[in-house]
Protein backbone atom coordinates (compact mmCIF):
# COMPACT_ATOMS: atom_id res chain seq x y z
CA MET A 1 78.99 101.65 161.37
CA LYS A 2 81.92 100.43 159.26
CA GLY A 3 79.48 98.75 156.87
CA TYR A 4 77.62 102.01 156.24
CA PHE A 5 80.89 103.83 155.67
CA ALA A 6 81.96 101.18 153.14
CA LEU A 7 78.59 101.44 151.36
CA ALA A 8 78.95 105.21 151.22
CA LEU A 9 82.41 104.92 149.62
CA LEU A 10 81.37 102.25 147.11
CA PRO A 11 79.76 104.64 144.55
CA TRP A 12 82.79 106.89 144.79
CA LEU A 13 85.15 103.99 144.07
CA ILE A 14 83.08 102.79 141.12
CA GLY A 15 82.86 106.34 139.75
CA THR A 16 86.60 106.89 139.87
CA ALA A 17 87.26 103.51 138.26
CA LEU A 18 84.89 104.24 135.37
CA ALA A 19 85.99 107.85 134.90
CA ASP A 20 89.04 106.80 132.89
CA VAL A 21 87.12 104.54 130.51
CA GLN A 22 86.88 106.08 127.02
CA PRO A 23 83.77 105.52 124.92
CA PRO A 24 84.33 103.54 121.72
CA PRO A 25 85.25 105.74 118.73
CA THR A 26 82.41 106.71 116.43
CA GLN A 27 82.38 105.99 112.71
CA ALA A 28 83.21 109.64 111.94
CA ALA A 29 86.26 109.57 114.23
CA GLN A 30 87.70 106.53 112.43
CA LYS A 31 87.74 108.18 108.99
CA GLN A 32 91.00 109.46 107.57
CA PRO A 33 91.30 113.22 107.06
CA ARG A 34 90.51 114.42 103.56
CA THR A 35 93.46 115.63 101.57
CA LEU A 36 91.59 116.79 98.47
CA GLY A 37 92.85 120.11 97.18
CA GLN A 38 96.38 119.59 98.47
CA LYS A 39 98.81 120.40 95.67
CA ALA A 40 102.24 119.99 97.28
CA VAL A 41 104.00 117.91 99.94
CA LEU A 42 107.02 119.06 101.95
CA HIS A 43 109.27 116.17 102.91
CA VAL A 44 111.81 116.86 105.68
CA TYR A 45 114.59 114.27 105.60
CA TYR A 46 116.90 113.49 108.53
CA TYR A 47 119.99 111.62 107.35
CA SER A 48 123.44 110.51 108.48
CA PRO A 49 126.19 112.54 106.76
CA LYS A 50 128.67 109.64 106.60
CA THR A 51 126.47 106.91 105.15
CA LEU A 52 123.73 109.13 103.66
CA GLU A 53 121.23 106.78 105.29
CA ILE A 54 117.83 108.40 105.84
CA THR A 55 116.92 108.01 109.49
CA TYR A 56 113.54 109.78 109.55
CA VAL A 57 111.14 111.51 107.14
CA ASP A 58 108.42 113.98 108.06
CA SER A 59 105.77 115.11 105.53
CA TYR A 60 103.46 118.14 105.46
CA LEU A 61 100.69 118.97 102.96
CA PHE A 62 100.26 122.40 101.34
CA LYS A 63 97.58 123.99 99.19
CA ASP A 64 100.04 125.13 96.53
CA GLN A 65 103.66 124.59 95.60
CA GLU A 66 104.67 128.21 96.23
CA ALA A 67 103.56 128.01 99.87
CA CYS A 68 105.49 124.77 100.21
CA VAL A 69 108.71 126.31 98.88
CA ASN A 70 108.28 129.33 101.17
CA ALA A 71 107.93 127.03 104.20
CA ILE A 72 111.16 125.07 103.66
CA GLY A 73 113.34 127.52 105.59
CA ALA A 74 111.06 127.63 108.62
CA ALA A 75 110.62 123.86 108.58
CA LEU A 76 114.38 123.31 108.60
CA GLN A 77 114.83 125.77 111.49
CA ILE A 78 112.22 123.88 113.48
CA ALA A 79 113.64 120.45 112.58
CA MET A 80 117.34 121.12 113.25
CA PRO A 81 117.16 120.95 117.09
CA TYR A 82 115.48 117.54 116.83
CA ALA A 83 118.20 116.04 114.62
CA GLY A 84 120.16 113.61 116.73
CA ASP A 85 123.81 112.54 116.76
CA GLY A 86 125.03 114.79 113.96
CA ASP A 87 122.20 114.01 111.56
CA LEU A 88 121.70 116.50 108.76
CA VAL A 89 118.31 117.84 107.75
CA THR A 90 117.10 118.75 104.29
CA GLY A 91 113.70 119.60 102.83
CA LYS A 92 112.12 119.05 99.44
CA CYS A 93 108.79 120.08 97.95
CA VAL A 94 107.04 117.62 95.67
CA GLY A 95 104.11 118.70 93.54
CA VAL A 96 101.04 116.54 93.65
CA ASN A 97 99.24 116.72 90.33
CA PRO A 98 96.88 113.89 89.52
CA PRO A 99 97.00 112.67 85.93
CA ASP A 100 94.47 114.08 83.47
CA ALA A 101 92.84 110.67 83.16
CA ILE A 102 91.65 111.04 86.75
CA THR A 103 90.74 114.72 86.77
CA LYS A 104 89.21 114.75 83.26
CA PRO A 105 88.07 111.22 82.46
CA ASP A 106 86.81 110.25 79.02
CA LYS A 107 83.07 109.98 78.77
CA ARG A 108 83.34 106.49 77.39
CA ARG A 109 86.32 104.23 77.28
CA GLU A 110 86.19 101.04 75.21
CA THR A 111 88.71 98.25 75.23
CA ALA A 112 89.03 95.13 73.14
CA ASP A 113 87.85 93.00 76.05
CA SER A 114 84.71 94.97 76.80
CA THR A 115 81.27 94.04 75.60
CA GLU A 116 78.19 96.18 75.41
CA LEU A 117 75.04 94.95 77.08
């Protein structure tokens, strides 16, 4: 009787053991998120007031610089309770504008080292 009871519990034990196993991540899940079209970055700096040593930096992407500047006040209000041991918090928006050479490349660029085939 005990043998039948153990056989009845065996599938349950195997099922609970395998329930926590995660499947391997797919190729799509391993890709980094796309940040194309982001025009500004808000950096929130936590720093020590005595030594001015930066202890932590948090960064957030924005579609335009105006939205980034408008979000500084709210970001600082959210960050202040998490500042530890008298750290000060400040925020700064940095515009992200790729150079024209990347956004508008020349149709043909020749250098002295290049040869035409």
